[in-house]
Amino acid sequence: MSISEIACTYATLILHDDGIPITADKIATLVKAANVNVESYWPSLFTKLVEKGNIEDLIMNVGSGGGGGAAIALSAPSSGGAAAATPAAAAVEEKKEEPKEESDDDMGFSLFD
């Protein structure tokens, strides 16, 4: 992820958190105020991304499902986005296993040998 993407992401989240409509001009203004130089197309790309998806779904599904989970949340309509992401999140949680603790016997030596 480039510095341009990160700066636009933070600007988008700031605008959303403050309840301000997210536009390319407002993203560009925040990025410029932070003294970050971004290519002119980044703010408009983030604006289009926000128009297609629901930011609330994106924020709530950040850690569920790895890289593919965010794309699902953004491309889904706002009415079914959370419902579509829920089965995927449940499947990921089921696959997680407790890491097995290693004992000294597994390494072939003991601390007190």
C-alpha atoms as a PDB file:
ATOM      1  CA  MET A   1       0.000   0.000   0.000  1.00  0.00           C
ATOM      2  CA  SER A   2       1.454   3.341  -1.004  1.00  0.00           C
ATOM      3  CA  ILE A   3       1.564   6.526   1.057  1.00  0.00           C
ATOM      4  CA  SER A   4      -1.031   8.000  -1.320  1.00  0.00           C
ATOM      5  CA  GLU A   5      -3.478   5.199  -0.591  1.00  0.00           C
ATOM      6  CA  ILE A   6      -2.912   5.437   3.144  1.00  0.00           C
ATOM      7  CA  ALA A   7      -3.365   9.214   3.163  1.00  0.00           C
ATOM      8  CA  CYS A   8      -6.611   8.973   1.187  1.00  0.00           C
ATOM      9  CA  THR A   9      -7.843   6.166   3.438  1.00  0.00           C
ATOM     10  CA  TYR A  10      -7.283   8.248   6.558  1.00  0.00           C
ATOM     11  CA  ALA A  11      -8.863  11.309   4.954  1.00  0.00           C
ATOM     12  CA  THR A  12     -11.918   9.241   3.999  1.00  0.00           C
ATOM     13  CA  LEU A  13     -12.226   7.850   7.525  1.00  0.00           C
ATOM     14  CA  ILE A  14     -11.876  11.334   9.046  1.00  0.00           C
ATOM     15  CA  LEU A  15     -14.619  12.719   6.824  1.00  0.00           C
ATOM     16  CA  HIS A  16     -16.876   9.758   7.584  1.00  0.00           C
ATOM     17  CA  ASP A  17     -16.252  10.021  11.330  1.00  0.00           C
ATOM     18  CA  ASP A  18     -17.169  13.709  11.305  1.00  0.00           C
ATOM     19  CA  GLY A  19     -20.317  13.060   9.251  1.00  0.00           C
ATOM     20  CA  ILE A  20     -19.056  15.175   6.358  1.00  0.00           C
ATOM     21  CA  PRO A  21     -20.009  14.085   2.831  1.00  0.00           C
ATOM     22  CA  ILE A  22     -17.009  12.412   1.213  1.00  0.00           C
ATOM     23  CA  THR A  23     -15.922  14.139  -1.997  1.00  0.00           C
ATOM     24  CA  ALA A  24     -12.690  14.128  -3.967  1.00  0.00           C
ATOM     25  CA  ASP A  25     -12.143  17.811  -3.128  1.00  0.00           C
ATOM     26  CA  LYS A  26     -12.482  17.237   0.602  1.00  0.00           C
ATOM     27  CA  ILE A  27     -10.152  14.242   0.526  1.00  0.00           C
ATOM     28  CA  ALA A  28      -7.606  16.272  -1.448  1.00  0.00           C
ATOM     29  CA  THR A  29      -7.896  19.163   1.032  1.00  0.00           C
ATOM     30  CA  LEU A  30      -7.245  16.916   4.034  1.00  0.00           C
ATOM     31  CA  VAL A  31      -4.327  15.189   2.334  1.00  0.00           C
ATOM     32  CA  LYS A  32      -2.817  18.540   1.363  1.00  0.00           C
ATOM     33  CA  ALA A  33      -3.252  19.823   4.944  1.00  0.00           C
ATOM     34  CA  ALA A  34      -1.258  16.796   6.113  1.00  0.00           C
ATOM     35  CA  ASN A  35       1.564  17.776   3.732  1.00  0.00           C
ATOM     36  CA  VAL A  36       1.259  14.580   1.737  1.00  0.00           C
ATOM     37  CA  ASN A  37       1.589  14.708  -2.036  1.00  0.00           C
ATOM     38  CA  VAL A  38      -0.740  12.298  -3.826  1.00  0.00           C
ATOM     39  CA  GLU A  39      -1.472  11.768  -7.472  1.00  0.00           C
ATOM     40  CA  SER A  40      -4.613  13.626  -8.552  1.00  0.00           C
ATOM     41  CA  TYR A  41      -6.567  10.442  -9.321  1.00  0.00           C
ATOM     42  CA  TRP A  42      -6.455   8.972  -5.792  1.00  0.00           C
ATOM     43  CA  PRO A  43      -9.121  11.196  -4.181  1.00  0.00           C
ATOM     44  CA  SER A  44     -11.592  10.519  -7.006  1.00  0.00           C
ATOM     45  CA  LEU A  45     -10.930   6.770  -6.800  1.00  0.00           C
ATOM     46  CA  PHE A  46     -11.688   6.782  -3.091  1.00  0.00           C
ATOM     47  CA  THR A  47     -14.835   8.822  -3.687  1.00  0.00           C
ATOM     48  CA  LYS A  48     -16.047   6.253  -6.238  1.00  0.00           C
ATOM     49  CA  LEU A  49     -15.216   3.455  -3.815  1.00  0.00           C
ATOM     50  CA  VAL A  50     -17.314   5.083  -1.110  1.00  0.00           C
ATOM     51  CA  GLU A  51     -20.223   5.600  -3.521  1.00  0.00           C
ATOM     52  CA  LYS A  52     -20.245   1.892  -4.443  1.00  0.00           C
ATOM     53  CA  GLY A  53     -20.002   0.507  -0.922  1.00  0.00           C
ATOM     54  CA  ASN A  54     -21.029   1.201   2.621  1.00  0.00           C
ATOM     55  CA  ILE A  55     -18.190   2.481   4.812  1.00  0.00           C
ATOM     56  CA  GLU A  56     -19.820   1.061   7.942  1.00  0.00           C
ATOM     57  CA  ASP A  57     -19.662  -2.446   6.441  1.00  0.00           C
ATOM     58  CA  LEU A  58     -16.044  -1.904   5.436  1.00  0.00           C
ATOM     59  CA  ILE A  59     -15.064  -0.756   8.925  1.00  0.00           C
ATOM     60  CA  MET A  60     -16.899  -3.599  10.639  1.00  0.00           C
ATOM     61  CA  ASN A  61     -15.376  -6.255   8.346  1.00  0.00           C
ATOM     62  CA  VAL A  62     -11.763  -5.083   8.282  1.00  0.00           C
ATOM     63  CA  GLY A  63     -10.336  -8.118  10.051  1.00  0.00           C
ATOM     64  CA  SER A  64     -12.708 -10.776   8.769  1.00  0.00           C
ATOM     65  CA  GLY A  65     -11.624 -12.880   5.859  1.00  0.00           C
ATOM     66  CA  GLY A  66      -8.309 -11.318   4.896  1.00  0.00           C
ATOM     67  CA  GLY A  67      -7.934  -9.379   1.666  1.00  0.00           C
ATOM     68  CA  GLY A  68     -11.052 -10.773   0.005  1.00  0.00           C
ATOM     69  CA  GLY A  69     -13.408  -9.755   2.789  1.00  0.00           C
ATOM     70  CA  ALA A  70     -13.110  -6.036   2.149  1.00  0.00           C
ATOM     71  CA  ALA A  71     -13.841  -6.421  -1.573  1.00  0.00           C
ATOM     72  CA  ILE A  72     -17.001  -8.376  -0.791  1.00  0.00           C
ATOM     73  CA  ALA A  73     -18.175  -5.754   1.660  1.00  0.00           C
ATOM     74  CA  LEU A  74     -17.591  -2.932  -0.811  1.00  0.00           C
ATOM     75  CA  SER A  75     -19.198  -4.549  -3.842  1.00  0.00           C
ATOM     76  CA  ALA A  76     -22.295  -5.743  -2.016  1.00  0.00           C
ATOM     77  CA  PRO A  77     -25.357  -3.492  -1.752  1.00  0.00           C
ATOM     78  CA  SER A  78     -25.676  -1.712   1.561  1.00  0.00           C
ATOM     79  CA  SER A  79     -28.799  -3.681   2.513  1.00  0.00           C
ATOM     80  CA  GLY A  80     -27.154  -7.107   2.195  1.00  0.00           C
ATOM     81  CA  GLY A  81     -23.484  -6.357   2.705  1.00  0.00           C
ATOM     82  CA  ALA A  82     -23.331  -7.377   6.343  1.00  0.00           C
ATOM     83  CA  ALA A  83     -25.390 -10.508   5.756  1.00  0.00           C
ATOM     84  CA  ALA A  84     -23.156 -11.581   2.863  1.00  0.00           C
ATOM     85  CA  ALA A  85     -19.969 -11.156   4.884  1.00  0.00           C
ATOM     86  CA  THR A  86     -21.239 -12.991   7.986  1.00  0.00           C
ATOM     87  CA  PRO A  87     -20.963 -16.596   6.671  1.00  0.00           C
ATOM     88  CA  ALA A  88     -17.444 -15.931   5.406  1.00  0.00           C
ATOM     89  CA  ALA A  89     -16.405 -14.554   8.785  1.00  0.00           C
ATOM     90  CA  ALA A  90     -17.902 -17.588  10.550  1.00  0.00           C
ATOM     91  CA  ALA A  91     -16.012 -19.967   8.255  1.00  0.00           C
ATOM     92  CA  VAL A  92     -12.721 -18.212   8.984  1.00  0.00           C
ATOM     93  CA  GLU A  93     -13.317 -18.377  12.725  1.00  0.00           C
ATOM     94  CA  GLU A  94     -14.082 -22.105  12.546  1.00  0.00           C
ATOM     95  CA  LYS A  95     -10.790 -22.819  10.764  1.00  0.00           C
ATOM     96  CA  LYS A  96      -8.708 -21.170  13.478  1.00  0.00           C
ATOM     97  CA  GLU A  97      -7.115 -23.681  15.815  1.00  0.00           C
ATOM     98  CA  GLU A  98      -5.339 -23.142  19.043  1.00  0.00           C
ATOM     99  CA  PRO A  99      -1.597 -23.178  18.462  1.00  0.00           C
ATOM    100  CA  LYS A 100      -0.067 -26.250  20.039  1.00  0.00           C
ATOM    101  CA  GLU A 101       2.364 -25.400  22.792  1.00  0.00           C
ATOM    102  CA  GLU A 102       5.778 -26.847  22.241  1.00  0.00           C
ATOM    103  CA  SER A 103       7.375 -28.696  25.071  1.00  0.00           C
ATOM    104  CA  ASP A 104      11.065 -29.278  25.646  1.00  0.00           C
ATOM    105  CA  ASP A 105      10.559 -32.908  24.602  1.00  0.00           C
ATOM    106  CA  ASP A 106       9.496 -31.810  21.101  1.00  0.00           C
ATOM    107  CA  MET A 107      12.839 -30.097  20.505  1.00  0.00           C
ATOM    108  CA  GLY A 108      14.928 -33.119  21.425  1.00  0.00           C
ATOM    109  CA  PHE A 109      16.511 -31.494  24.458  1.00  0.00           C
ATOM    110  CA  SER A 110      15.492 -30.089  27.787  1.00  0.00           C
ATOM    111  CA  LEU A 111      16.515 -26.946  29.554  1.00  0.00           C
ATOM    112  CA  PHE A 112      17.741 -28.978  32.529  1.00  0.00           C
ATOM    113  CA  ASP A 113      19.708 -31.705  30.658  1.00  0.00           C
END
